[in-house]
């Protein structure tokens, strides 16, 4: 890429922070693609299902990404650039030198300002006009919570042995904030929680505008009924992926991706319950907005 300014956008398709950044990154690409500027998405997976090329290809199509996306499925490029977080933008000048880096959401004016600076150094006539940035504060919002044993701080209620299962959980009916609780038969893998019994529930008390779940079908599509504070969701608090059958609020999981379950105007404290009868139910993480 000698002679061109290059922006590397390190992202992964089930990361809520990456997805909120994506419209801004796409806008930057459209604005400067006719200049000596190259934008490359570096898709570096956080979970194993994101290493599957067909999943990434489908996500790129769904998000209407026009610039090239490189698969960094072994995290090689990620490590070479010393990355630790998603998303991460790295800006390289026309002489192949790293000149700027940005971690996390926001800062889009600053990213663009640095692109313009490097293009001007490369004798291109471009100007920068600062735009108003709207950024959702994360103050008081629940942190990203993983379901797998490698990054989960512990299930709120311990497993007990019953005939036929030593991974059975009983709903304690009382919940602490930001901790996963279970009811029924569940198995905790390194990356996810998987339902194993005839009927079970996963309960999580959170504080946020919205809650999103990284859900993956084990083999077949599955459905899960969604409750908020032991009631069905309504049009006023349902996330974009919620469906309704009469008053019943539920979600259909057919792809390995991030699903928006709830959405409220203000930061509010609620208890989410996901109820399922499917052995295909796998939860990887909760993220919040």
Protein backbone atom coordinates (compact mmCIF):
# COMPACT_ATOMS: atom_id res chain seq x y z
CA UNK A 1 0.00 0.00 0.00
CA UNK A 2 2.97 2.31 -0.52
CA UNK A 3 1.78 5.77 -1.58
CA UNK A 4 -1.64 5.44 0.09
CA UNK A 5 -3.03 6.23 3.51
CA UNK A 6 -4.36 3.04 5.13
CA UNK A 7 -6.89 2.68 7.95
CA UNK A 8 -7.11 -0.76 9.58
CA UNK A 9 -10.35 -1.36 11.48
CA UNK A 10 -10.01 -4.32 13.86
CA UNK A 11 -13.49 -5.64 14.62
CA UNK A 12 -15.57 -8.76 15.13
CA UNK A 13 -19.17 -9.20 14.09
CA UNK A 14 -20.81 -10.09 17.43
CA UNK A 15 -19.19 -7.19 19.34
CA UNK A 16 -21.75 -4.49 20.18
CA UNK A 17 -19.07 -1.78 20.37
CA UNK A 18 -17.84 -2.73 16.89
CA UNK A 19 -21.37 -2.69 15.49
CA UNK A 20 -22.08 0.75 16.93
CA UNK A 21 -18.82 2.02 15.39
CA UNK A 22 -19.49 0.44 12.01
CA UNK A 23 -21.79 3.15 10.51
CA UNK A 24 -19.14 5.79 11.25
CA UNK A 25 -16.34 3.70 9.73
CA UNK A 26 -18.46 3.05 6.62
CA UNK A 27 -19.12 6.79 6.32
CA UNK A 28 -15.39 7.55 6.47
CA UNK A 29 -14.79 5.02 3.70
CA UNK A 30 -17.43 6.55 1.42
CA UNK A 31 -16.04 10.03 2.05
CA UNK A 32 -12.43 9.31 1.14
CA UNK A 33 -12.49 6.22 -1.11
CA UNK A 34 -11.79 8.35 -4.21
CA UNK A 35 -8.60 9.68 -2.62
CA UNK A 36 -5.37 7.78 -2.10
CA UNK A 37 -6.96 6.12 0.88
CA UNK A 38 -7.57 2.46 1.68
CA UNK A 39 -9.77 1.07 4.46
CA UNK A 40 -9.40 -2.59 5.41
CA UNK A 41 -11.54 -4.33 7.99
CA UNK A 42 -9.50 -6.85 9.99
CA UNK A 43 -12.00 -9.35 11.33
CA UNK A 44 -10.43 -10.81 14.47
CA UNK A 45 -12.75 -13.26 16.29
CA UNK A 46 -13.56 -13.20 19.98
CA UNK A 47 -15.42 -16.53 19.90
CA UNK A 48 -14.83 -19.74 17.94
CA UNK A 49 -17.98 -19.38 15.80
CA UNK A 50 -16.57 -16.08 14.48
CA UNK A 51 -13.62 -18.00 13.01
CA UNK A 52 -15.94 -19.69 10.50
CA UNK A 53 -15.47 -17.84 7.20
CA UNK A 54 -19.07 -18.39 6.03
CA UNK A 55 -20.38 -16.69 9.19
CA UNK A 56 -18.13 -13.68 8.59
CA UNK A 57 -19.04 -13.54 4.90
CA UNK A 58 -22.74 -13.48 5.80
CA UNK A 59 -22.17 -10.73 8.39
CA UNK A 60 -20.26 -8.57 5.90
CA UNK A 61 -23.17 -8.90 3.47
CA UNK A 62 -25.80 -8.21 6.16
CA UNK A 63 -23.97 -5.06 7.30
CA UNK A 64 -23.48 -3.92 3.68
CA UNK A 65 -19.73 -3.43 4.06
CA UNK A 66 -18.22 -2.32 0.74
CA UNK A 67 -14.53 -2.17 1.68
CA UNK A 68 -12.36 -5.32 1.86
CA UNK A 69 -12.45 -7.39 5.04
CA UNK A 70 -9.48 -9.62 5.85
CA UNK A 71 -9.95 -12.74 7.99
CA UNK A 72 -7.58 -12.78 10.95
CA UNK A 73 -9.03 -16.01 12.33
CA UNK A 74 -5.84 -17.03 14.14
CA UNK A 75 -5.44 -13.54 15.64
CA UNK A 76 -2.01 -13.23 14.00
CA UNK A 77 -2.41 -9.66 12.73
CA UNK A 78 -4.13 -8.72 15.98
CA UNK A 79 -1.07 -9.80 17.97
CA UNK A 80 1.40 -8.16 15.58
CA UNK A 81 -0.29 -4.81 16.17
CA UNK A 82 -0.37 -5.34 19.95
CA UNK A 83 -4.15 -5.18 20.19
CA UNK A 84 -6.16 -5.98 23.30
CA UNK A 85 -9.61 -4.48 22.63
CA UNK A 86 -12.41 -4.29 20.05
CA UNK A 87 -12.80 -2.10 18.08
CA UNK A 88 -9.36 -0.68 17.32
CA UNK A 89 -8.38 1.63 14.44
CA UNK A 90 -4.78 1.91 13.26
CA UNK A 91 -3.80 4.59 10.74
CA UNK A 92 -0.76 4.13 8.49
CA UNK A 93 0.77 6.87 6.32
CA UNK A 94 1.83 6.69 2.68
CA UNK A 95 5.32 5.60 3.76
CA UNK A 96 3.96 2.61 5.71
CA UNK A 97 4.51 4.14 9.15
CA UNK A 98 1.91 3.85 11.92
CA UNK A 99 0.88 7.38 12.79
CA UNK A 100 -2.26 7.07 14.89
CA UNK A 101 -4.35 4.59 16.87
CA UNK A 102 -7.78 4.69 18.50
CA UNK A 103 -9.46 2.19 20.84
CA UNK A 104 -13.20 1.78 21.46
CA UNK A 105 -16.26 3.70 20.34
CA UNK A 106 -16.35 7.41 19.61
CA UNK A 107 -13.53 9.68 18.49
CA UNK A 108 -14.69 9.59 14.87
CA UNK A 109 -13.89 13.26 14.28
CA UNK A 110 -10.38 12.66 15.58
CA UNK A 111 -9.94 9.60 13.34
CA UNK A 112 -11.10 11.56 10.29
CA UNK A 113 -8.97 14.57 11.18
CA UNK A 114 -5.87 12.36 11.24
CA UNK A 115 -6.81 10.77 7.91
CA UNK A 116 -7.11 14.22 6.33
CA UNK A 117 -3.77 15.26 7.82
CA UNK A 118 -2.00 12.27 6.26
CA UNK A 119 -3.76 12.77 2.91
CA UNK A 120 -2.64 16.40 2.89
CA UNK A 121 0.92 15.26 3.62
CA UNK A 122 0.52 13.06 0.56
CA UNK A 123 -0.25 16.17 -1.55
CA UNK A 124 -4.01 15.66 -1.73
CA UNK A 125 -6.40 18.57 -1.50
CA UNK A 126 -8.89 17.53 1.15
CA UNK A 127 -10.50 19.44 4.00
CA UNK A 128 -11.90 18.37 7.33
CA UNK A 129 -15.19 19.62 8.72
CA UNK A 130 -15.96 18.54 12.26
CA UNK A 131 -19.37 16.94 12.78
CA UNK A 132 -21.38 16.61 15.96
CA UNK A 133 -20.84 13.24 17.60
CA UNK A 134 -23.57 11.48 19.54
CA UNK A 135 -22.13 8.99 21.98
CA UNK A 136 -24.04 6.89 24.49
CA UNK A 137 -22.46 7.16 27.92
CA UNK A 138 -21.60 3.86 29.57
CA UNK A 139 -21.71 5.32 33.09
CA UNK A 140 -23.79 3.10 35.35
CA UNK A 141 -24.37 0.48 32.65
CA UNK A 142 -23.77 -3.20 33.37
CA UNK A 143 -20.44 -4.54 32.04
CA UNK A 144 -20.13 -7.14 29.30
CA UNK A 145 -20.81 -10.52 30.91
CA UNK A 146 -19.49 -13.79 29.46
CA UNK A 147 -21.26 -17.12 29.89
CA UNK A 148 -18.31 -19.46 29.33
CA UNK A 149 -16.16 -20.70 32.21
CA UNK A 150 -12.96 -19.08 30.88
CA UNK A 151 -14.25 -15.55 31.46
CA UNK A 152 -17.27 -15.98 33.72
CA UNK A 153 -16.87 -15.06 37.41
CA UNK A 154 -19.30 -17.74 38.51
CA UNK A 155 -22.95 -18.74 38.20
CA UNK A 156 -25.05 -17.18 40.97
CA UNK A 157 -26.53 -20.52 42.09
CA UNK A 158 -24.53 -23.74 42.23
CA UNK A 159 -25.31 -26.96 40.39
CA UNK A 160 -26.81 -29.89 42.30
CA UNK A 161 -27.06 -33.60 41.54
CA UNK A 162 -30.44 -35.15 40.79
CA UNK A 163 -31.12 -38.57 39.19
CA UNK A 164 -29.74 -38.43 35.66
CA UNK A 165 -27.90 -35.11 36.00
CA UNK A 166 -25.21 -33.43 38.06
CA UNK A 167 -25.60 -30.13 36.19
CA UNK A 168 -29.04 -29.25 37.53
CA UNK A 169 -29.84 -25.79 38.89
CA UNK A 170 -32.76 -24.48 40.95
CA UNK A 171 -33.89 -20.87 40.52
CA UNK A 172 -33.12 -19.07 43.82
CA UNK A 173 -35.75 -16.37 43.05
CA UNK A 174 -33.40 -13.68 44.39
CA UNK A 175 -30.69 -12.22 42.16
CA UNK A 176 -27.63 -10.01 42.49
CA UNK A 177 -26.82 -7.50 39.77
CA UNK A 178 -24.70 -8.59 36.79
CA UNK A 179 -24.59 -12.31 37.66
CA UNK A 180 -26.09 -15.16 35.62
CA UNK A 181 -28.52 -17.52 37.36
CA UNK A 182 -29.88 -20.79 35.98
CA UNK A 183 -32.88 -23.07 36.36
CA UNK A 184 -32.96 -26.59 34.92
CA UNK A 185 -30.15 -28.61 33.33
CA UNK A 186 -27.24 -26.62 31.90
CA UNK A 187 -23.64 -27.31 30.91
CA UNK A 188 -20.98 -24.60 31.05
CA UNK A 189 -18.37 -24.87 28.33
CA UNK A 190 -15.21 -22.80 28.02
CA UNK A 191 -17.03 -20.22 25.85
CA UNK A 192 -20.75 -20.71 26.44
CA UNK A 193 -23.66 -22.04 28.48
CA UNK A 194 -25.74 -24.77 26.80
CA UNK A 195 -29.20 -25.94 27.80
CA UNK A 196 -29.48 -29.72 28.22
CA UNK A 197 -32.86 -30.52 29.77
CA UNK A 198 -36.54 -30.49 28.84
CA UNK A 199 -37.16 -26.94 30.07
CA UNK A 200 -34.88 -24.35 31.59
CA UNK A 201 -34.35 -20.68 32.25
CA UNK A 202 -31.43 -18.29 32.31
CA UNK A 203 -31.90 -15.20 34.49
CA UNK A 204 -29.88 -11.97 34.54
CA UNK A 205 -30.42 -8.75 36.50
CA UNK A 206 -28.92 -5.75 34.72
CA UNK A 207 -28.76 -1.96 34.54
CA UNK A 208 -28.82 -0.43 31.03
CA UNK A 209 -30.81 1.08 28.16
CA UNK A 210 -30.73 -2.26 26.36
CA UNK A 211 -29.48 -5.81 26.72
CA UNK A 212 -28.05 -7.84 23.85
CA UNK A 213 -27.21 -11.54 23.81
CA UNK A 214 -24.66 -13.40 21.70
CA UNK A 215 -26.65 -16.54 20.88
CA UNK A 216 -25.70 -19.52 18.72
CA UNK A 217 -27.79 -22.52 17.57
CA UNK A 218 -25.98 -25.75 18.43
CA UNK A 219 -27.29 -27.62 15.38
CA UNK A 220 -30.85 -26.47 14.70
CA UNK A 221 -32.70 -23.18 15.02
CA UNK A 222 -34.30 -22.64 18.40
CA UNK A 223 -36.80 -20.35 20.11
CA UNK A 224 -36.67 -18.78 23.53
CA UNK A 225 -39.44 -16.94 25.38
CA UNK A 226 -38.22 -13.61 26.74
CA UNK A 227 -39.50 -12.06 29.98
CA UNK A 228 -38.67 -8.75 31.63
CA UNK A 229 -39.39 -8.65 35.36
CA UNK A 230 -41.44 -11.85 34.95
CA UNK A 231 -43.69 -10.27 32.31
CA UNK A 232 -43.75 -10.53 28.53
CA UNK A 233 -42.12 -7.70 26.65
CA UNK A 234 -44.21 -5.01 24.98
CA UNK A 235 -43.69 -2.87 21.89
CA UNK A 236 -42.31 -0.17 24.23
CA UNK A 237 -39.43 -2.22 25.64
CA UNK A 238 -38.78 -4.92 23.05
CA UNK A 239 -35.48 -5.00 21.18
CA UNK A 240 -35.41 -5.21 17.39
CA UNK A 241 -34.98 -9.02 17.35
CA UNK A 242 -38.04 -9.79 19.48
CA UNK A 243 -41.07 -11.40 17.87
CA UNK A 244 -44.61 -11.64 19.21
CA UNK A 245 -47.19 -14.42 19.15
CA UNK A 246 -50.18 -12.74 20.72
CA UNK A 247 -48.80 -11.36 23.98
CA UNK A 248 -45.95 -13.86 24.10
CA UNK A 249 -42.55 -12.27 23.39
CA UNK A 250 -39.88 -14.58 22.02
CA UNK A 251 -36.78 -14.78 19.88
CA UNK A 252 -35.86 -17.12 17.03
CA UNK A 253 -32.16 -17.94 16.87
CA UNK A 254 -31.12 -19.19 13.45
CA UNK A 255 -27.69 -17.57 13.10
CA UNK A 256 -24.66 -17.19 15.32
CA UNK A 257 -24.81 -13.47 16.08
CA UNK A 258 -25.73 -10.67 18.48
CA UNK A 259 -29.46 -10.30 19.25
CA UNK A 260 -31.06 -7.17 20.73
CA UNK A 261 -33.56 -8.29 23.37
CA UNK A 262 -34.72 -5.15 25.17
CA UNK A 263 -34.57 -1.40 24.62
CA UNK A 264 -35.72 1.38 26.96
CA UNK A 265 -35.41 5.15 26.75
CA UNK A 266 -33.48 5.49 30.01
CA UNK A 267 -30.92 3.47 31.92
CA UNK A 268 -33.11 1.17 33.99
CA UNK A 269 -32.68 -1.86 36.22
CA UNK A 270 -34.54 -4.99 35.14
CA UNK A 271 -34.40 -8.77 35.40
CA UNK A 272 -34.28 -10.63 32.10
CA UNK A 273 -35.37 -14.26 31.81
CA UNK A 274 -34.74 -16.47 28.78
CA UNK A 275 -36.86 -19.63 28.85
CA UNK A 276 -36.20 -22.53 26.51
CA UNK A 277 -37.07 -26.17 25.88
CA UNK A 278 -34.36 -26.63 23.25
CA UNK A 279 -31.04 -28.43 23.61
CA UNK A 280 -29.72 -26.21 20.80
CA UNK A 281 -29.67 -23.10 23.04
CA UNK A 282 -26.16 -21.67 23.51
CA UNK A 283 -25.40 -18.31 25.14
CA UNK A 284 -21.93 -16.78 24.79
CA UNK A 285 -22.31 -13.31 26.33
CA UNK A 286 -24.51 -10.41 27.35
CA UNK A 287 -23.63 -6.89 26.21
CA UNK A 288 -25.34 -3.62 26.99
CA UNK A 289 -26.25 -0.25 25.56
